[in-house]
């Protein structure tokens, strides 16, 4: 909660709450799972990625069946419920979640075809933000759930922690700077990160050209400096929010957000229950 507010979300304009505070998410997930397509779920790429499987992996494989758990397999249904229970009209997504939003749209359409036009079919808003890749495995997305703490930068990281993580970021044996995502993913990832914080808004390729005379150590130092400066204000606001009034403000925001979210979700569930005869 503190991280979201520190990053710029205004509780006066946005409803902020913990998913676990709104039981309707789970209830709608169960109802949607009764009409969701196993075929569509089997084509989702995220569960395959989580299990380190290829995109063409089939559920007919006995080894896959043994490794795949229902919670992971059906997670897109919960994501669909998260969106549909609040009647979202537009949802911003990155490339890695576009497939899941299309599945949410499918869930809404299938339900509406069966029970009437009750669920809002959300529109996709393609995010302009770049995907930030892991500092240690630059072919994978940076993730807070990774077991390797050095693979990610947190807004709560101190300047020293940020510097250490970026200095140890995986690159390659070519001690020069160039932007080549295919052949130099590690270096290119650093340039992508630098581009995010570049005050002039330069693209990674432009930054690579301007840093063509630098070595990788100098590039990492430049990226570290930019990230520290870029996250400093957010980190300070985060610390202030946690310490102010012993966190009572955050408790108030969460409680008020949960109340509003429950009221909003209850309207949807009343319609869904009536439509399905529950």
C-alpha atoms as a PDB file:
ATOM      1  CA  UNK A   1       0.000   0.000   0.000  1.00  0.00           C
ATOM      2  CA  UNK A   2       2.757   2.413   0.983  1.00  0.00           C
ATOM      3  CA  UNK A   3       4.662   1.611  -2.208  1.00  0.00           C
ATOM      4  CA  UNK A   4       1.654   2.379  -4.418  1.00  0.00           C
ATOM      5  CA  UNK A   5       0.989   5.714  -2.736  1.00  0.00           C
ATOM      6  CA  UNK A   6       4.678   6.623  -2.727  1.00  0.00           C
ATOM      7  CA  UNK A   7       4.831   5.899  -6.453  1.00  0.00           C
ATOM      8  CA  UNK A   8       2.064   8.419  -7.100  1.00  0.00           C
ATOM      9  CA  UNK A   9      -1.355   6.800  -6.704  1.00  0.00           C
ATOM     10  CA  UNK A  10      -3.745   9.183  -4.956  1.00  0.00           C
ATOM     11  CA  UNK A  11      -6.165   7.494  -2.507  1.00  0.00           C
ATOM     12  CA  UNK A  12      -8.584  10.356  -3.174  1.00  0.00           C
ATOM     13  CA  UNK A  13      -8.808   9.339  -6.825  1.00  0.00           C
ATOM     14  CA  UNK A  14      -8.098   5.605  -6.665  1.00  0.00           C
ATOM     15  CA  UNK A  15      -9.586   2.809  -4.571  1.00  0.00           C
ATOM     16  CA  UNK A  16      -6.676   0.955  -2.972  1.00  0.00           C
ATOM     17  CA  UNK A  17      -7.328  -2.333  -1.196  1.00  0.00           C
ATOM     18  CA  UNK A  18      -5.972  -5.807  -0.570  1.00  0.00           C
ATOM     19  CA  UNK A  19      -7.542  -8.455  -2.772  1.00  0.00           C
ATOM     20  CA  UNK A  20      -8.007 -10.706   0.256  1.00  0.00           C
ATOM     21  CA  UNK A  21     -10.292  -8.076   1.797  1.00  0.00           C
ATOM     22  CA  UNK A  22     -12.947  -8.632  -0.887  1.00  0.00           C
ATOM     23  CA  UNK A  23     -14.382 -12.154  -0.864  1.00  0.00           C
ATOM     24  CA  UNK A  24     -16.337 -11.487  -4.056  1.00  0.00           C
ATOM     25  CA  UNK A  25     -13.153 -11.977  -6.082  1.00  0.00           C
ATOM     26  CA  UNK A  26     -12.992 -15.639  -5.077  1.00  0.00           C
ATOM     27  CA  UNK A  27     -16.740 -16.125  -5.430  1.00  0.00           C
ATOM     28  CA  UNK A  28     -16.807 -14.797  -8.981  1.00  0.00           C
ATOM     29  CA  UNK A  29     -13.722 -16.846  -9.825  1.00  0.00           C
ATOM     30  CA  UNK A  30     -15.604 -20.021  -8.912  1.00  0.00           C
ATOM     31  CA  UNK A  31     -18.622 -19.034 -10.998  1.00  0.00           C
ATOM     32  CA  UNK A  32     -16.442 -18.135 -13.989  1.00  0.00           C
ATOM     33  CA  UNK A  33     -14.553 -21.422 -13.652  1.00  0.00           C
ATOM     34  CA  UNK A  34     -17.831 -23.221 -14.350  1.00  0.00           C
ATOM     35  CA  UNK A  35     -17.907 -21.734 -17.860  1.00  0.00           C
ATOM     36  CA  UNK A  36     -14.192 -21.146 -18.539  1.00  0.00           C
ATOM     37  CA  UNK A  37     -12.599 -23.156 -21.324  1.00  0.00           C
ATOM     38  CA  UNK A  38      -9.956 -25.729 -20.417  1.00  0.00           C
ATOM     39  CA  UNK A  39      -8.657 -25.380 -23.952  1.00  0.00           C
ATOM     40  CA  UNK A  40      -8.054 -21.666 -23.521  1.00  0.00           C
ATOM     41  CA  UNK A  41      -6.376 -22.196 -20.164  1.00  0.00           C
ATOM     42  CA  UNK A  42      -4.125 -24.867 -21.633  1.00  0.00           C
ATOM     43  CA  UNK A  43      -2.887 -22.354 -24.215  1.00  0.00           C
ATOM     44  CA  UNK A  44      -1.863 -19.786 -21.620  1.00  0.00           C
ATOM     45  CA  UNK A  45       1.882 -19.210 -21.685  1.00  0.00           C
ATOM     46  CA  UNK A  46       2.427 -17.977 -18.131  1.00  0.00           C
ATOM     47  CA  UNK A  47       1.943 -21.324 -16.367  1.00  0.00           C
ATOM     48  CA  UNK A  48       4.281 -22.910 -18.877  1.00  0.00           C
ATOM     49  CA  UNK A  49       6.843 -20.212 -18.208  1.00  0.00           C
ATOM     50  CA  UNK A  50       6.534 -20.697 -14.428  1.00  0.00           C
ATOM     51  CA  UNK A  51       7.262 -24.406 -14.910  1.00  0.00           C
ATOM     52  CA  UNK A  52      10.103 -23.659 -17.357  1.00  0.00           C
ATOM     53  CA  UNK A  53       8.218 -25.367 -20.185  1.00  0.00           C
ATOM     54  CA  UNK A  54       8.091 -24.476 -23.864  1.00  0.00           C
ATOM     55  CA  UNK A  55       5.132 -22.626 -25.358  1.00  0.00           C
ATOM     56  CA  UNK A  56       4.035 -25.725 -27.306  1.00  0.00           C
ATOM     57  CA  UNK A  57       3.872 -27.934 -24.193  1.00  0.00           C
ATOM     58  CA  UNK A  58       0.760 -30.133 -24.115  1.00  0.00           C
ATOM     59  CA  UNK A  59      -1.401 -31.119 -21.154  1.00  0.00           C
ATOM     60  CA  UNK A  60      -1.349 -34.650 -22.540  1.00  0.00           C
ATOM     61  CA  UNK A  61       2.194 -35.064 -21.223  1.00  0.00           C
ATOM     62  CA  UNK A  62       2.100 -37.107 -18.006  1.00  0.00           C
ATOM     63  CA  UNK A  63       5.080 -35.233 -16.597  1.00  0.00           C
ATOM     64  CA  UNK A  64       3.316 -31.920 -17.118  1.00  0.00           C
ATOM     65  CA  UNK A  65       0.161 -33.214 -15.450  1.00  0.00           C
ATOM     66  CA  UNK A  66       2.176 -34.263 -12.408  1.00  0.00           C
ATOM     67  CA  UNK A  67       3.947 -30.911 -12.087  1.00  0.00           C
ATOM     68  CA  UNK A  68       1.035 -28.600 -12.882  1.00  0.00           C
ATOM     69  CA  UNK A  69      -1.145 -27.594  -9.942  1.00  0.00           C
ATOM     70  CA  UNK A  70      -4.711 -26.340 -10.252  1.00  0.00           C
ATOM     71  CA  UNK A  71      -3.931 -23.058  -8.503  1.00  0.00           C
ATOM     72  CA  UNK A  72      -1.378 -22.120 -11.149  1.00  0.00           C
ATOM     73  CA  UNK A  73      -3.409 -23.469 -14.058  1.00  0.00           C
ATOM     74  CA  UNK A  74      -6.603 -21.652 -13.066  1.00  0.00           C
ATOM     75  CA  UNK A  75      -4.910 -18.422 -11.969  1.00  0.00           C
ATOM     76  CA  UNK A  76      -6.077 -16.588 -15.132  1.00  0.00           C
ATOM     77  CA  UNK A  77      -9.670 -17.209 -13.995  1.00  0.00           C
ATOM     78  CA  UNK A  78      -8.911 -15.362 -10.752  1.00  0.00           C
ATOM     79  CA  UNK A  79      -7.320 -12.556 -12.752  1.00  0.00           C
ATOM     80  CA  UNK A  80     -10.467 -12.391 -14.862  1.00  0.00           C
ATOM     81  CA  UNK A  81     -12.584 -12.182 -11.705  1.00  0.00           C
ATOM     82  CA  UNK A  82     -10.360  -9.391 -10.368  1.00  0.00           C
ATOM     83  CA  UNK A  83     -11.221  -7.326 -13.433  1.00  0.00           C
ATOM     84  CA  UNK A  84     -14.835  -8.318 -14.025  1.00  0.00           C
ATOM     85  CA  UNK A  85     -16.085  -8.077 -10.446  1.00  0.00           C
ATOM     86  CA  UNK A  86     -15.392  -4.334 -10.496  1.00  0.00           C
ATOM     87  CA  UNK A  87     -16.850  -3.810 -13.982  1.00  0.00           C
ATOM     88  CA  UNK A  88     -13.608  -2.374 -15.326  1.00  0.00           C
ATOM     89  CA  UNK A  89     -14.047  -0.830 -18.768  1.00  0.00           C
ATOM     90  CA  UNK A  90     -10.360  -0.398 -19.652  1.00  0.00           C
ATOM     91  CA  UNK A  91      -7.346  -2.293 -18.308  1.00  0.00           C
ATOM     92  CA  UNK A  92      -3.696  -1.282 -18.900  1.00  0.00           C
ATOM     93  CA  UNK A  93      -1.517  -4.322 -19.574  1.00  0.00           C
ATOM     94  CA  UNK A  94       2.015  -5.165 -20.591  1.00  0.00           C
ATOM     95  CA  UNK A  95       2.829  -7.620 -23.344  1.00  0.00           C
ATOM     96  CA  UNK A  96       3.200 -10.499 -20.887  1.00  0.00           C
ATOM     97  CA  UNK A  97      -0.351 -10.039 -19.559  1.00  0.00           C
ATOM     98  CA  UNK A  98      -2.152  -9.269 -22.808  1.00  0.00           C
ATOM     99  CA  UNK A  99      -3.105 -12.937 -23.227  1.00  0.00           C
ATOM    100  CA  UNK A 100      -4.640 -13.026 -19.752  1.00  0.00           C
ATOM    101  CA  UNK A 101      -6.788  -9.975 -20.437  1.00  0.00           C
ATOM    102  CA  UNK A 102      -7.988 -11.549 -23.661  1.00  0.00           C
ATOM    103  CA  UNK A 103      -8.946 -14.564 -21.562  1.00  0.00           C
ATOM    104  CA  UNK A 104     -10.845 -12.269 -19.176  1.00  0.00           C
ATOM    105  CA  UNK A 105     -12.727 -10.874 -22.162  1.00  0.00           C
ATOM    106  CA  UNK A 106     -13.500 -14.432 -23.258  1.00  0.00           C
ATOM    107  CA  UNK A 107     -14.787 -15.299 -19.773  1.00  0.00           C
ATOM    108  CA  UNK A 108     -17.100 -12.283 -19.839  1.00  0.00           C
ATOM    109  CA  UNK A 109     -18.401 -13.082 -23.312  1.00  0.00           C
ATOM    110  CA  UNK A 110     -19.008 -16.761 -22.519  1.00  0.00           C
ATOM    111  CA  UNK A 111     -20.867 -15.838 -19.325  1.00  0.00           C
ATOM    112  CA  UNK A 112     -22.924 -13.186 -21.125  1.00  0.00           C
ATOM    113  CA  UNK A 113     -23.846 -15.592 -23.901  1.00  0.00           C
ATOM    114  CA  UNK A 114     -25.061 -18.101 -21.333  1.00  0.00           C
ATOM    115  CA  UNK A 115     -26.821 -15.840 -18.836  1.00  0.00           C
ATOM    116  CA  UNK A 116     -27.413 -12.480 -20.517  1.00  0.00           C
ATOM    117  CA  UNK A 117     -25.379  -9.330 -21.031  1.00  0.00           C
ATOM    118  CA  UNK A 118     -24.417  -8.709 -17.412  1.00  0.00           C
ATOM    119  CA  UNK A 119     -20.607  -8.568 -17.257  1.00  0.00           C
ATOM    120  CA  UNK A 120     -18.658  -5.659 -18.721  1.00  0.00           C
ATOM    121  CA  UNK A 121     -16.218  -6.785 -21.420  1.00  0.00           C
ATOM    122  CA  UNK A 122     -13.054  -4.736 -20.735  1.00  0.00           C
ATOM    123  CA  UNK A 123     -10.995  -3.034 -23.397  1.00  0.00           C
ATOM    124  CA  UNK A 124      -7.224  -3.427 -23.556  1.00  0.00           C
ATOM    125  CA  UNK A 125      -4.998  -0.427 -22.943  1.00  0.00           C
ATOM    126  CA  UNK A 126      -1.506  -1.259 -24.124  1.00  0.00           C
ATOM    127  CA  UNK A 127       1.033   0.061 -21.664  1.00  0.00           C
ATOM    128  CA  UNK A 128       3.800   2.227 -23.088  1.00  0.00           C
ATOM    129  CA  UNK A 129       6.072   1.290 -20.212  1.00  0.00           C
ATOM    130  CA  UNK A 130       8.974  -0.987 -21.065  1.00  0.00           C
ATOM    131  CA  UNK A 131       9.389  -4.390 -19.506  1.00  0.00           C
ATOM    132  CA  UNK A 132      12.270  -4.346 -17.048  1.00  0.00           C
ATOM    133  CA  UNK A 133      14.212  -7.569 -17.186  1.00  0.00           C
ATOM    134  CA  UNK A 134      16.038  -9.448 -14.444  1.00  0.00           C
ATOM    135  CA  UNK A 135      19.509  -8.164 -13.603  1.00  0.00           C
ATOM    136  CA  UNK A 136      20.794 -11.739 -13.376  1.00  0.00           C
ATOM    137  CA  UNK A 137      18.711 -13.425 -16.096  1.00  0.00           C
ATOM    138  CA  UNK A 138      18.045 -10.673 -18.647  1.00  0.00           C
ATOM    139  CA  UNK A 139      15.877 -12.955 -20.793  1.00  0.00           C
ATOM    140  CA  UNK A 140      13.338 -13.074 -17.930  1.00  0.00           C
ATOM    141  CA  UNK A 141      11.180 -10.292 -16.516  1.00  0.00           C
ATOM    142  CA  UNK A 142      12.353  -8.673 -13.290  1.00  0.00           C
ATOM    143  CA  UNK A 143      10.189 -10.123 -10.528  1.00  0.00           C
ATOM    144  CA  UNK A 144       9.785  -9.492  -6.821  1.00  0.00           C
ATOM    145  CA  UNK A 145       9.042 -13.199  -6.367  1.00  0.00           C
ATOM    146  CA  UNK A 146      12.408 -14.331  -7.716  1.00  0.00           C
ATOM    147  CA  UNK A 147      14.574 -16.296  -5.290  1.00  0.00           C
ATOM    148  CA  UNK A 148      17.571 -14.181  -6.280  1.00  0.00           C
ATOM    149  CA  UNK A 149      17.405 -10.831  -4.469  1.00  0.00           C
ATOM    150  CA  UNK A 150      20.157  -9.474  -6.730  1.00  0.00           C
ATOM    151  CA  UNK A 151      17.916  -9.885  -9.769  1.00  0.00           C
ATOM    152  CA  UNK A 152      15.622  -6.988  -8.887  1.00  0.00           C
ATOM    153  CA  UNK A 153      15.616  -3.408  -7.666  1.00  0.00           C
ATOM    154  CA  UNK A 154      13.072  -2.460  -5.028  1.00  0.00           C
ATOM    155  CA  UNK A 155      11.928   1.081  -4.317  1.00  0.00           C
ATOM    156  CA  UNK A 156      12.886   0.395  -0.702  1.00  0.00           C
ATOM    157  CA  UNK A 157      16.501  -0.389  -1.614  1.00  0.00           C
ATOM    158  CA  UNK A 158      19.113   1.999  -0.275  1.00  0.00           C
ATOM    159  CA  UNK A 159      21.488   3.740  -2.722  1.00  0.00           C
ATOM    160  CA  UNK A 160      24.230   1.293  -1.717  1.00  0.00           C
ATOM    161  CA  UNK A 161      21.974  -1.704  -2.354  1.00  0.00           C
ATOM    162  CA  UNK A 162      20.955  -0.367  -5.755  1.00  0.00           C
ATOM    163  CA  UNK A 163      24.578   0.248  -6.673  1.00  0.00           C
ATOM    164  CA  UNK A 164      25.669  -3.244  -5.591  1.00  0.00           C
ATOM    165  CA  UNK A 165      22.888  -4.904  -7.582  1.00  0.00           C
ATOM    166  CA  UNK A 166      23.651  -2.956 -10.745  1.00  0.00           C
ATOM    167  CA  UNK A 167      27.411  -3.411 -10.471  1.00  0.00           C
ATOM    168  CA  UNK A 168      26.845  -7.185 -10.240  1.00  0.00           C
ATOM    169  CA  UNK A 169      24.288  -7.223 -13.084  1.00  0.00           C
ATOM    170  CA  UNK A 170      24.950  -9.892 -15.705  1.00  0.00           C
ATOM    171  CA  UNK A 171      26.359  -8.536 -18.973  1.00  0.00           C
ATOM    172  CA  UNK A 172      28.848 -10.246 -21.301  1.00  0.00           C
ATOM    173  CA  UNK A 173      32.545 -10.436 -22.158  1.00  0.00           C
ATOM    174  CA  UNK A 174      32.478  -7.545 -24.661  1.00  0.00           C
ATOM    175  CA  UNK A 175      33.626  -4.560 -22.604  1.00  0.00           C
ATOM    176  CA  UNK A 176      31.842  -1.981 -24.732  1.00  0.00           C
ATOM    177  CA  UNK A 177      28.390  -0.405 -24.861  1.00  0.00           C
ATOM    178  CA  UNK A 178      25.911  -1.211 -27.628  1.00  0.00           C
ATOM    179  CA  UNK A 179      22.180  -1.825 -27.847  1.00  0.00           C
ATOM    180  CA  UNK A 180      21.454  -5.305 -29.164  1.00  0.00           C
ATOM    181  CA  UNK A 181      18.615  -7.036 -27.252  1.00  0.00           C
ATOM    182  CA  UNK A 182      19.108 -10.325 -29.094  1.00  0.00           C
ATOM    183  CA  UNK A 183      22.856 -10.761 -28.799  1.00  0.00           C
ATOM    184  CA  UNK A 184      23.540  -8.562 -25.752  1.00  0.00           C
ATOM    185  CA  UNK A 185      20.451  -8.850 -23.526  1.00  0.00           C
ATOM    186  CA  UNK A 186      22.222  -7.896 -20.299  1.00  0.00           C
ATOM    187  CA  UNK A 187      23.777  -4.708 -21.639  1.00  0.00           C
ATOM    188  CA  UNK A 188      20.582  -3.842 -23.491  1.00  0.00           C
ATOM    189  CA  UNK A 189      18.576  -4.262 -20.289  1.00  0.00           C
ATOM    190  CA  UNK A 190      20.809  -1.748 -18.524  1.00  0.00           C
ATOM    191  CA  UNK A 191      20.278   0.690 -21.382  1.00  0.00           C
ATOM    192  CA  UNK A 192      16.522   0.116 -21.165  1.00  0.00           C
ATOM    193  CA  UNK A 193      16.617   0.941 -17.455  1.00  0.00           C
ATOM    194  CA  UNK A 194      18.738   4.021 -18.105  1.00  0.00           C
ATOM    195  CA  UNK A 195      16.248   5.142 -20.749  1.00  0.00           C
ATOM    196  CA  UNK A 196      13.393   4.991 -18.231  1.00  0.00           C
ATOM    197  CA  UNK A 197      15.145   7.514 -16.008  1.00  0.00           C
ATOM    198  CA  UNK A 198      16.685   9.640 -18.760  1.00  0.00           C
ATOM    199  CA  UNK A 199      15.487  13.234 -18.356  1.00  0.00           C
ATOM    200  CA  UNK A 200      15.755  13.826 -22.102  1.00  0.00           C
ATOM    201  CA  UNK A 201      13.605  10.801 -22.885  1.00  0.00           C
ATOM    202  CA  UNK A 202      16.213   9.204 -25.120  1.00  0.00           C
ATOM    203  CA  UNK A 203      15.699   5.697 -26.456  1.00  0.00           C
ATOM    204  CA  UNK A 204      18.119   2.888 -25.465  1.00  0.00           C
ATOM    205  CA  UNK A 205      19.783   2.923 -28.893  1.00  0.00           C
ATOM    206  CA  UNK A 206      20.387   6.672 -28.609  1.00  0.00           C
ATOM    207  CA  UNK A 207      21.894   6.247 -25.165  1.00  0.00           C
ATOM    208  CA  UNK A 208      24.135   3.457 -26.446  1.00  0.00           C
ATOM    209  CA  UNK A 209      25.432   5.765 -29.155  1.00  0.00           C
ATOM    210  CA  UNK A 210      26.141   8.542 -26.654  1.00  0.00           C
ATOM    211  CA  UNK A 211      27.965   6.057 -24.397  1.00  0.00           C
ATOM    212  CA  UNK A 212      29.882   4.325 -27.166  1.00  0.00           C
ATOM    213  CA  UNK A 213      33.210   5.320 -25.626  1.00  0.00           C
ATOM    214  CA  UNK A 214      32.352   3.882 -22.210  1.00  0.00           C
ATOM    215  CA  UNK A 215      33.121   0.455 -20.797  1.00  0.00           C
ATOM    216  CA  UNK A 216      30.624  -1.732 -18.936  1.00  0.00           C
ATOM    217  CA  UNK A 217      31.771  -0.591 -15.497  1.00  0.00           C
ATOM    218  CA  UNK A 218      31.124   3.001 -16.468  1.00  0.00           C
ATOM    219  CA  UNK A 219      27.728   2.069 -17.909  1.00  0.00           C
ATOM    220  CA  UNK A 220      26.709   0.338 -14.688  1.00  0.00           C
ATOM    221  CA  UNK A 221      27.837   3.331 -12.642  1.00  0.00           C
ATOM    222  CA  UNK A 222      25.811   5.640 -14.888  1.00  0.00           C
ATOM    223  CA  UNK A 223      22.718   3.460 -14.583  1.00  0.00           C
ATOM    224  CA  UNK A 224      23.148   3.200 -10.811  1.00  0.00           C
ATOM    225  CA  UNK A 225      23.373   6.964 -10.444  1.00  0.00           C
ATOM    226  CA  UNK A 226      20.245   7.498 -12.545  1.00  0.00           C
ATOM    227  CA  UNK A 227      18.197   4.851 -10.723  1.00  0.00           C
ATOM    228  CA  UNK A 228      19.203   6.155  -7.289  1.00  0.00           C
ATOM    229  CA  UNK A 229      18.206   9.692  -8.252  1.00  0.00           C
ATOM    230  CA  UNK A 230      15.003   8.529  -9.926  1.00  0.00           C
ATOM    231  CA  UNK A 231      13.811   6.439  -6.987  1.00  0.00           C
ATOM    232  CA  UNK A 232      15.019   8.695  -4.197  1.00  0.00           C
ATOM    233  CA  UNK A 233      11.799  10.697  -3.870  1.00  0.00           C
ATOM    234  CA  UNK A 234       9.637   7.573  -3.968  1.00  0.00           C
ATOM    235  CA  UNK A 235      11.800   5.838  -1.376  1.00  0.00           C
ATOM    236  CA  UNK A 236      11.626   8.848   0.955  1.00  0.00           C
ATOM    237  CA  UNK A 237       7.839   9.054   0.628  1.00  0.00           C
ATOM    238  CA  UNK A 238       7.605   5.321   1.294  1.00  0.00           C
ATOM    239  CA  UNK A 239       9.599   5.629   4.518  1.00  0.00           C
ATOM    240  CA  UNK A 240       7.556   8.656   5.607  1.00  0.00           C
ATOM    241  CA  UNK A 241       4.284   6.813   5.029  1.00  0.00           C
ATOM    242  CA  UNK A 242       5.388   3.845   7.125  1.00  0.00           C
ATOM    243  CA  UNK A 243       6.620   5.989   9.987  1.00  0.00           C
ATOM    244  CA  UNK A 244       3.896   8.658  10.005  1.00  0.00           C
ATOM    245  CA  UNK A 245       1.377   8.170  12.811  1.00  0.00           C
ATOM    246  CA  UNK A 246       2.610   4.593  13.314  1.00  0.00           C
ATOM    247  CA  UNK A 247       1.106   3.558   9.989  1.00  0.00           C
ATOM    248  CA  UNK A 248      -2.445   4.537  10.965  1.00  0.00           C
ATOM    249  CA  UNK A 249      -2.894   6.520   7.752  1.00  0.00           C
ATOM    250  CA  UNK A 250      -2.140   3.422   5.685  1.00  0.00           C
ATOM    251  CA  UNK A 251      -4.564   1.388   7.792  1.00  0.00           C
ATOM    252  CA  UNK A 252      -7.248   3.992   7.129  1.00  0.00           C
ATOM    253  CA  UNK A 253      -6.590   4.018   3.380  1.00  0.00           C
ATOM    254  CA  UNK A 254      -6.753   0.216   3.207  1.00  0.00           C
ATOM    255  CA  UNK A 255      -9.918  -0.001   5.307  1.00  0.00           C
ATOM    256  CA  UNK A 256     -11.688   2.707   3.332  1.00  0.00           C
ATOM    257  CA  UNK A 257     -10.562   1.202   0.033  1.00  0.00           C
ATOM    258  CA  UNK A 258     -11.743  -2.258   1.087  1.00  0.00           C
ATOM    259  CA  UNK A 259     -15.130  -0.863   2.097  1.00  0.00           C
ATOM    260  CA  UNK A 260     -15.608   0.833  -1.270  1.00  0.00           C
ATOM    261  CA  UNK A 261     -14.352  -2.228  -3.154  1.00  0.00           C
ATOM    262  CA  UNK A 262     -16.707  -4.556  -1.286  1.00  0.00           C
ATOM    263  CA  UNK A 263     -19.657  -2.291  -2.041  1.00  0.00           C
ATOM    264  CA  UNK A 264     -18.735  -2.108  -5.712  1.00  0.00           C
ATOM    265  CA  UNK A 265     -18.158  -5.858  -6.016  1.00  0.00           C
ATOM    266  CA  UNK A 266     -21.416  -6.590  -4.188  1.00  0.00           C
ATOM    267  CA  UNK A 267     -23.352  -4.836  -6.946  1.00  0.00           C
ATOM    268  CA  UNK A 268     -21.781  -7.106  -9.544  1.00  0.00           C
ATOM    269  CA  UNK A 269     -22.323 -10.254  -7.514  1.00  0.00           C
ATOM    270  CA  UNK A 270     -25.990  -9.440  -6.921  1.00  0.00           C
ATOM    271  CA  UNK A 271     -26.454  -9.309 -10.697  1.00  0.00           C
ATOM    272  CA  UNK A 272     -24.412 -12.490 -11.239  1.00  0.00           C
ATOM    273  CA  UNK A 273     -26.262 -14.462  -8.569  1.00  0.00           C
ATOM    274  CA  UNK A 274     -29.644 -13.457  -9.938  1.00  0.00           C
ATOM    275  CA  UNK A 275     -28.582 -14.321 -13.485  1.00  0.00           C
ATOM    276  CA  UNK A 276     -27.293 -17.758 -12.485  1.00  0.00           C
ATOM    277  CA  UNK A 277     -30.056 -18.542 -10.017  1.00  0.00           C
ATOM    278  CA  UNK A 278     -27.781 -18.721  -6.986  1.00  0.00           C
END
